[in-house]
C-alpha atoms as a PDB file:
ATOM      1  CA  MET A   1       0.000   0.000   0.000  1.00  0.00           C
ATOM      2  CA  GLU A   2       1.300   3.424  -0.925  1.00  0.00           C
ATOM      3  CA  ARG A   3       1.982   5.845   1.853  1.00  0.00           C
ATOM      4  CA  THR A   4      -0.236   8.925   2.139  1.00  0.00           C
ATOM      5  CA  TYR A   5       1.795  12.027   2.886  1.00  0.00           C
ATOM      6  CA  LYS A   6       0.512  14.595   5.363  1.00  0.00           C
ATOM      7  CA  LEU A   7       0.766  18.191   4.163  1.00  0.00           C
ATOM      8  CA  LEU A   8       0.028  21.401   6.021  1.00  0.00           C
ATOM      9  CA  VAL A   9      -0.990  24.354   3.835  1.00  0.00           C
ATOM     10  CA  ILE A  10      -0.954  27.817   5.427  1.00  0.00           C
ATOM     11  CA  ASP A  11      -2.309  30.848   3.559  1.00  0.00           C
ATOM     12  CA  ASP A  12      -4.440  33.823   4.571  1.00  0.00           C
ATOM     13  CA  SER A  13      -6.264  33.707   1.224  1.00  0.00           C
ATOM     14  CA  GLN A  14      -9.301  31.443   1.554  1.00  0.00           C
ATOM     15  CA  GLU A  15      -9.380  31.105  -2.226  1.00  0.00           C
ATOM     16  CA  ILE A  16      -5.819  29.778  -2.386  1.00  0.00           C
ATOM     17  CA  LEU A  17      -6.371  27.447   0.598  1.00  0.00           C
ATOM     18  CA  VAL A  18      -9.429  25.899  -1.019  1.00  0.00           C
ATOM     19  CA  ALA A  19      -7.724  25.558  -4.419  1.00  0.00           C
ATOM     20  CA  LEU A  20      -4.579  23.957  -2.973  1.00  0.00           C
ATOM     21  CA  ASP A  21      -6.598  21.717  -0.652  1.00  0.00           C
ATOM     22  CA  LYS A  22      -8.761  20.421  -3.522  1.00  0.00           C
ATOM     23  CA  TYR A  23      -5.840  19.954  -5.898  1.00  0.00           C
ATOM     24  CA  LEU A  24      -3.574  18.201  -3.392  1.00  0.00           C
ATOM     25  CA  GLN A  25      -6.373  15.957  -2.051  1.00  0.00           C
ATOM     26  CA  LYS A  26      -7.043  14.886  -5.654  1.00  0.00           C
ATOM     27  CA  LYS A  27      -3.359  13.978  -5.893  1.00  0.00           C
ATOM     28  CA  LYS A  28      -3.877  11.682  -2.867  1.00  0.00           C
ATOM     29  CA  PHE A  29      -2.232  13.863  -0.213  1.00  0.00           C
ATOM     30  CA  ASN A  30      -3.714  14.135   3.270  1.00  0.00           C
ATOM     31  CA  VAL A  31      -4.109  17.931   3.575  1.00  0.00           C
ATOM     32  CA  THR A  32      -4.658  20.105   6.648  1.00  0.00           C
ATOM     33  CA  THR A  33      -5.147  23.842   6.138  1.00  0.00           C
ATOM     34  CA  ALA A  34      -4.580  26.901   8.315  1.00  0.00           C
ATOM     35  CA  ALA A  35      -5.771  30.446   7.605  1.00  0.00           C
ATOM     36  CA  ASP A  36      -2.743  32.216   9.113  1.00  0.00           C
ATOM     37  CA  GLY A  37       0.702  31.599  10.575  1.00  0.00           C
ATOM     38  CA  LEU A  38      -0.513  31.487  14.166  1.00  0.00           C
ATOM     39  CA  GLU A  39      -3.127  28.847  13.416  1.00  0.00           C
ATOM     40  CA  GLY A  40      -0.527  26.968  11.341  1.00  0.00           C
ATOM     41  CA  LEU A  41       1.907  26.857  14.248  1.00  0.00           C
ATOM     42  CA  LYS A  42      -0.810  25.616  16.631  1.00  0.00           C
ATOM     43  CA  ILE A  43      -1.704  22.812  14.208  1.00  0.00           C
ATOM     44  CA  LEU A  44       1.982  21.945  13.713  1.00  0.00           C
ATOM     45  CA  LYS A  45       2.541  21.566  17.440  1.00  0.00           C
ATOM     46  CA  ALA A  46      -0.665  19.559  17.949  1.00  0.00           C
ATOM     47  CA  GLU A  47      -0.236  17.126  15.036  1.00  0.00           C
ATOM     48  CA  GLU A  48       0.731  13.683  16.257  1.00  0.00           C
ATOM     49  CA  GLY A  49       3.705  12.482  14.233  1.00  0.00           C
ATOM     50  CA  GLY A  50       4.117  15.849  12.507  1.00  0.00           C
ATOM     51  CA  PHE A  51       3.711  16.668   8.833  1.00  0.00           C
ATOM     52  CA  ASP A  52       5.684  15.371   5.871  1.00  0.00           C
ATOM     53  CA  LEU A  53       5.769  18.799   4.222  1.00  0.00           C
ATOM     54  CA  VAL A  54       4.538  22.351   4.823  1.00  0.00           C
ATOM     55  CA  ILE A  55       3.433  24.857   2.187  1.00  0.00           C
ATOM     56  CA  THR A  56       3.198  28.377   3.581  1.00  0.00           C
ATOM     57  CA  ASP A  57       2.427  31.815   2.252  1.00  0.00           C
ATOM     58  CA  LEU A  58       5.059  34.357   3.290  1.00  0.00           C
ATOM     59  CA  VAL A  59       3.007  37.485   3.890  1.00  0.00           C
ATOM     60  CA  MET A  60       0.230  36.854   6.440  1.00  0.00           C
ATOM     61  CA  PRO A  61      -1.240  38.522   9.524  1.00  0.00           C
ATOM     62  CA  PHE A  62      -0.224  37.531  13.088  1.00  0.00           C
ATOM     63  CA  VAL A  63       2.774  35.324  12.267  1.00  0.00           C
ATOM     64  CA  SER A  64       4.425  35.672   8.851  1.00  0.00           C
ATOM     65  CA  GLY A  65       5.470  32.725   6.742  1.00  0.00           C
ATOM     66  CA  VAL A  66       9.082  33.585   7.513  1.00  0.00           C
ATOM     67  CA  GLY A  67       8.247  33.272  11.237  1.00  0.00           C
ATOM     68  CA  VAL A  68       6.498  29.950  10.612  1.00  0.00           C
ATOM     69  CA  ILE A  69       9.475  28.595   8.643  1.00  0.00           C
ATOM     70  CA  SER A  70      11.979  29.717  11.304  1.00  0.00           C
ATOM     71  CA  ILE A  71      10.049  28.001  14.099  1.00  0.00           C
ATOM     72  CA  LEU A  72       9.314  24.930  11.979  1.00  0.00           C
ATOM     73  CA  LYS A  73      12.971  24.456  11.022  1.00  0.00           C
ATOM     74  CA  LYS A  74      14.024  24.732  14.680  1.00  0.00           C
ATOM     75  CA  GLU A  75      11.462  22.231  15.946  1.00  0.00           C
ATOM     76  CA  PHE A  76      11.171  19.934  12.911  1.00  0.00           C
ATOM     77  CA  PRO A  77      14.450  20.389  11.018  1.00  0.00           C
ATOM     78  CA  ASN A  78      13.739  17.548   8.584  1.00  0.00           C
ATOM     79  CA  THR A  79      10.339  18.821   7.422  1.00  0.00           C
ATOM     80  CA  PRO A  80      10.606  20.302   3.925  1.00  0.00           C
ATOM     81  CA  VAL A  81       8.970  23.695   3.320  1.00  0.00           C
ATOM     82  CA  VAL A  82       7.605  25.278   0.162  1.00  0.00           C
ATOM     83  CA  ALA A  83       7.184  29.046   0.566  1.00  0.00           C
ATOM     84  CA  ILE A  84       4.695  30.749  -1.738  1.00  0.00           C
ATOM     85  CA  THR A  85       4.565  34.489  -2.245  1.00  0.00           C
ATOM     86  CA  GLY A  86       2.825  37.119  -4.297  1.00  0.00           C
ATOM     87  CA  TYR A  87       5.315  39.814  -3.340  1.00  0.00           C
ATOM     88  CA  GLY A  88       8.408  40.311  -5.512  1.00  0.00           C
ATOM     89  CA  GLU A  89      11.963  39.608  -4.471  1.00  0.00           C
ATOM     90  CA  HIS A  90      12.211  40.824  -0.897  1.00  0.00           C
ATOM     91  CA  PRO A  91      10.146  38.111   0.847  1.00  0.00           C
ATOM     92  CA  GLU A  92      11.887  35.477  -1.271  1.00  0.00           C
ATOM     93  CA  ALA A  93      15.236  36.497   0.157  1.00  0.00           C
ATOM     94  CA  LEU A  94      13.721  36.259   3.645  1.00  0.00           C
ATOM     95  CA  ALA A  95      12.251  32.833   2.913  1.00  0.00           C
ATOM     96  CA  LEU A  96      15.609  31.513   1.789  1.00  0.00           C
ATOM     97  CA  GLU A  97      17.204  33.053   4.867  1.00  0.00           C
ATOM     98  CA  ALA A  98      14.605  31.262   7.003  1.00  0.00           C
ATOM     99  CA  ASN A  99      15.557  28.005   5.228  1.00  0.00           C
ATOM    100  CA  ALA A 100      12.557  27.397   2.992  1.00  0.00           C
ATOM    101  CA  ASP A 101      13.480  24.523   0.694  1.00  0.00           C
ATOM    102  CA  VAL A 102      11.683  26.026  -2.298  1.00  0.00           C
ATOM    103  CA  VAL A 103      10.211  29.489  -2.968  1.00  0.00           C
ATOM    104  CA  MET A 104       7.456  29.785  -5.568  1.00  0.00           C
ATOM    105  CA  GLU A 105       5.956  33.021  -6.810  1.00  0.00           C
ATOM    106  CA  LYS A 106       2.196  33.381  -7.130  1.00  0.00           C
ATOM    107  CA  PRO A 107       0.527  32.739  -9.442  1.00  0.00           C
ATOM    108  CA  PHE A 108       2.236  29.377  -9.876  1.00  0.00           C
ATOM    109  CA  ASP A 109       1.288  26.342 -11.885  1.00  0.00           C
ATOM    110  CA  LEU A 110      -0.298  23.626  -9.722  1.00  0.00           C
ATOM    111  CA  ASP A 111       1.569  20.915 -11.629  1.00  0.00           C
ATOM    112  CA  ASP A 112       4.841  22.723 -10.831  1.00  0.00           C
ATOM    113  CA  LEU A 113       3.863  22.812  -7.176  1.00  0.00           C
ATOM    114  CA  GLU A 114       3.078  19.091  -7.218  1.00  0.00           C
ATOM    115  CA  ARG A 115       6.455  18.370  -8.843  1.00  0.00           C
ATOM    116  CA  GLN A 116       8.278  20.416  -6.177  1.00  0.00           C
ATOM    117  CA  VAL A 117       6.325  18.696  -3.393  1.00  0.00           C
ATOM    118  CA  ASN A 118       7.076  15.223  -4.787  1.00  0.00           C
ATOM    119  CA  ASP A 119      10.790  16.086  -5.237  1.00  0.00           C
ATOM    120  CA  LEU A 120      11.073  17.347  -1.664  1.00  0.00           C
ATOM    121  CA  LEU A 121       9.217  14.326  -0.250  1.00  0.00           C
ATOM    122  CA  ALA A 122      11.454  11.955  -2.229  1.00  0.00           C
ATOM    123  CA  ARG A 123      14.565  13.776  -0.978  1.00  0.00           C
ATOM    124  CA  ALA A 124      13.305  13.751   2.626  1.00  0.00           C
ATOM    125  CA  ALA A 125      12.548  10.025   2.364  1.00  0.00           C
ATOM    126  CA  GLY A 126      16.031   9.409   1.015  1.00  0.00           C
ATOM    127  CA  SER A 127      17.842  11.313   3.769  1.00  0.00           C
END
């Protein structure tokens, strides 16, 4: 039986959350969503066994994606992170500084996202 990967998607745009949730569920991922960084961190800490991968927006209220990534990488150093952003170059530099594994600019192609997710999961499984 093939393993189902657990993904956490954090974005303050309801539209993006719903779209990513639907798309990733269709691709057989077990998806949990959070509407902001604070909620995302609460879910991360509460999830038994953790998540296989986290996709987070960078610019959000309460706790930014950069904050989420920093905390995530301290507490779960082996969890890959895809940072997504609609804001030019500056947040990307921050995301890389915070150790995001991949930074994607919105709007991105969902197939590209799936490819990145699968690559990161394969790499994490291999390490």
